[in-house]
Amino acid sequence: MEDSARGLAAAVAARIDCAVVHNEFTKNSDFSLASYRIDSLSELKGILELS
Protein backbone atom coordinates (compact mmCIF):
# COMPACT_ATOMS: atom_id res chain seq x y z
CA MET A 1 0.00 0.00 0.00
CA GLU A 2 1.34 3.41 -0.94
CA ASP A 3 0.32 7.03 -1.09
CA SER A 4 3.28 8.41 -3.03
CA ALA A 5 4.47 8.18 -6.61
CA ARG A 6 7.97 7.31 -5.40
CA GLY A 7 6.70 4.40 -3.31
CA LEU A 8 4.58 3.14 -6.19
CA ALA A 9 7.60 3.29 -8.52
CA ALA A 10 9.59 1.17 -6.06
CA ALA A 11 6.80 -1.42 -5.83
CA VAL A 12 6.45 -1.59 -9.60
CA ALA A 13 10.22 -1.98 -10.02
CA ALA A 14 10.13 -4.84 -7.51
CA ARG A 15 7.11 -6.37 -9.32
CA ILE A 16 4.97 -6.11 -6.19
CA ASP A 17 1.22 -5.49 -6.45
CA CYS A 18 0.49 -2.13 -4.92
CA ALA A 19 -2.68 -0.42 -3.75
CA VAL A 20 -2.54 3.36 -3.87
CA VAL A 21 -4.59 5.50 -1.54
CA HIS A 22 -5.65 8.79 -3.08
CA ASN A 23 -5.49 11.83 -0.83
CA GLU A 24 -5.37 15.60 -1.08
CA PHE A 25 -1.56 15.67 -1.08
CA THR A 26 -1.23 13.24 -4.02
CA LYS A 27 -4.29 14.20 -6.05
CA ASN A 28 -2.14 15.23 -9.03
CA SER A 29 0.18 12.19 -8.95
CA ASP A 30 0.24 9.61 -11.72
CA PHE A 31 -0.86 6.32 -10.18
CA SER A 32 -1.73 4.62 -13.46
CA LEU A 33 0.69 1.73 -12.79
CA ALA A 34 -0.91 0.83 -9.46
CA SER A 35 -2.54 -2.58 -9.20
CA TYR A 36 -5.38 -1.01 -7.19
CA ARG A 37 -6.52 2.57 -6.64
CA ILE A 38 -8.60 3.18 -3.54
CA ASP A 39 -10.11 6.21 -1.83
CA SER A 40 -9.87 5.03 1.77
CA LEU A 41 -8.10 2.42 3.85
CA SER A 42 -11.42 0.71 4.50
CA GLU A 43 -11.30 -0.57 0.90
CA LEU A 44 -8.03 -2.41 1.59
CA LYS A 45 -9.81 -5.25 3.40
CA GLY A 46 -11.63 -6.22 0.20
CA ILE A 47 -8.38 -6.30 -1.75
CA LEU A 48 -6.67 -8.47 0.85
CA GLU A 49 -9.59 -10.90 0.87
CA LEU A 50 -9.12 -11.38 -2.89
CA SER A 51 -5.50 -12.43 -2.44
C-alpha atoms as a PDB file:
ATOM      1  CA  MET A   1       0.000   0.000   0.000  1.00  0.00           C
ATOM      2  CA  GLU A   2       1.344   3.408  -0.940  1.00  0.00           C
ATOM      3  CA  ASP A   3       0.316   7.035  -1.086  1.00  0.00           C
ATOM      4  CA  SER A   4       3.275   8.406  -3.025  1.00  0.00           C
ATOM      5  CA  ALA A   5       4.469   8.176  -6.611  1.00  0.00           C
ATOM      6  CA  ARG A   6       7.973   7.310  -5.397  1.00  0.00           C
ATOM      7  CA  GLY A   7       6.696   4.396  -3.306  1.00  0.00           C
ATOM      8  CA  LEU A   8       4.583   3.141  -6.191  1.00  0.00           C
ATOM      9  CA  ALA A   9       7.596   3.289  -8.523  1.00  0.00           C
ATOM     10  CA  ALA A  10       9.585   1.167  -6.062  1.00  0.00           C
ATOM     11  CA  ALA A  11       6.800  -1.416  -5.827  1.00  0.00           C
ATOM     12  CA  VAL A  12       6.449  -1.591  -9.603  1.00  0.00           C
ATOM     13  CA  ALA A  13      10.222  -1.979 -10.016  1.00  0.00           C
ATOM     14  CA  ALA A  14      10.133  -4.842  -7.510  1.00  0.00           C
ATOM     15  CA  ARG A  15       7.115  -6.368  -9.316  1.00  0.00           C
ATOM     16  CA  ILE A  16       4.968  -6.111  -6.187  1.00  0.00           C
ATOM     17  CA  ASP A  17       1.222  -5.492  -6.448  1.00  0.00           C
ATOM     18  CA  CYS A  18       0.489  -2.126  -4.921  1.00  0.00           C
ATOM     19  CA  ALA A  19      -2.677  -0.424  -3.746  1.00  0.00           C
ATOM     20  CA  VAL A  20      -2.541   3.357  -3.869  1.00  0.00           C
ATOM     21  CA  VAL A  21      -4.594   5.502  -1.535  1.00  0.00           C
ATOM     22  CA  HIS A  22      -5.650   8.788  -3.084  1.00  0.00           C
ATOM     23  CA  ASN A  23      -5.490  11.828  -0.825  1.00  0.00           C
ATOM     24  CA  GLU A  24      -5.368  15.605  -1.080  1.00  0.00           C
ATOM     25  CA  PHE A  25      -1.562  15.665  -1.079  1.00  0.00           C
ATOM     26  CA  THR A  26      -1.234  13.240  -4.016  1.00  0.00           C
ATOM     27  CA  LYS A  27      -4.293  14.201  -6.054  1.00  0.00           C
ATOM     28  CA  ASN A  28      -2.137  15.226  -9.035  1.00  0.00           C
ATOM     29  CA  SER A  29       0.177  12.192  -8.948  1.00  0.00           C
ATOM     30  CA  ASP A  30       0.243   9.608 -11.723  1.00  0.00           C
ATOM     31  CA  PHE A  31      -0.864   6.320 -10.176  1.00  0.00           C
ATOM     32  CA  SER A  32      -1.727   4.623 -13.461  1.00  0.00           C
ATOM     33  CA  LEU A  33       0.691   1.733 -12.791  1.00  0.00           C
ATOM     34  CA  ALA A  34      -0.915   0.828  -9.461  1.00  0.00           C
ATOM     35  CA  SER A  35      -2.543  -2.580  -9.204  1.00  0.00           C
ATOM     36  CA  TYR A  36      -5.379  -1.012  -7.194  1.00  0.00           C
ATOM     37  CA  ARG A  37      -6.524   2.571  -6.643  1.00  0.00           C
ATOM     38  CA  ILE A  38      -8.602   3.184  -3.540  1.00  0.00           C
ATOM     39  CA  ASP A  39     -10.109   6.207  -1.835  1.00  0.00           C
ATOM     40  CA  SER A  40      -9.871   5.031   1.769  1.00  0.00           C
ATOM     41  CA  LEU A  41      -8.104   2.420   3.853  1.00  0.00           C
ATOM     42  CA  SER A  42     -11.421   0.710   4.501  1.00  0.00           C
ATOM     43  CA  GLU A  43     -11.299  -0.567   0.903  1.00  0.00           C
ATOM     44  CA  LEU A  44      -8.034  -2.412   1.592  1.00  0.00           C
ATOM     45  CA  LYS A  45      -9.815  -5.254   3.397  1.00  0.00           C
ATOM     46  CA  GLY A  46     -11.632  -6.222   0.204  1.00  0.00           C
ATOM     47  CA  ILE A  47      -8.376  -6.301  -1.753  1.00  0.00           C
ATOM     48  CA  LEU A  48      -6.667  -8.472   0.848  1.00  0.00           C
ATOM     49  CA  GLU A  49      -9.588 -10.905   0.866  1.00  0.00           C
ATOM     50  CA  LEU A  50      -9.125 -11.376  -2.894  1.00  0.00           C
ATOM     51  CA  SER A  51      -5.501 -12.433  -2.439  1.00  0.00           C
END
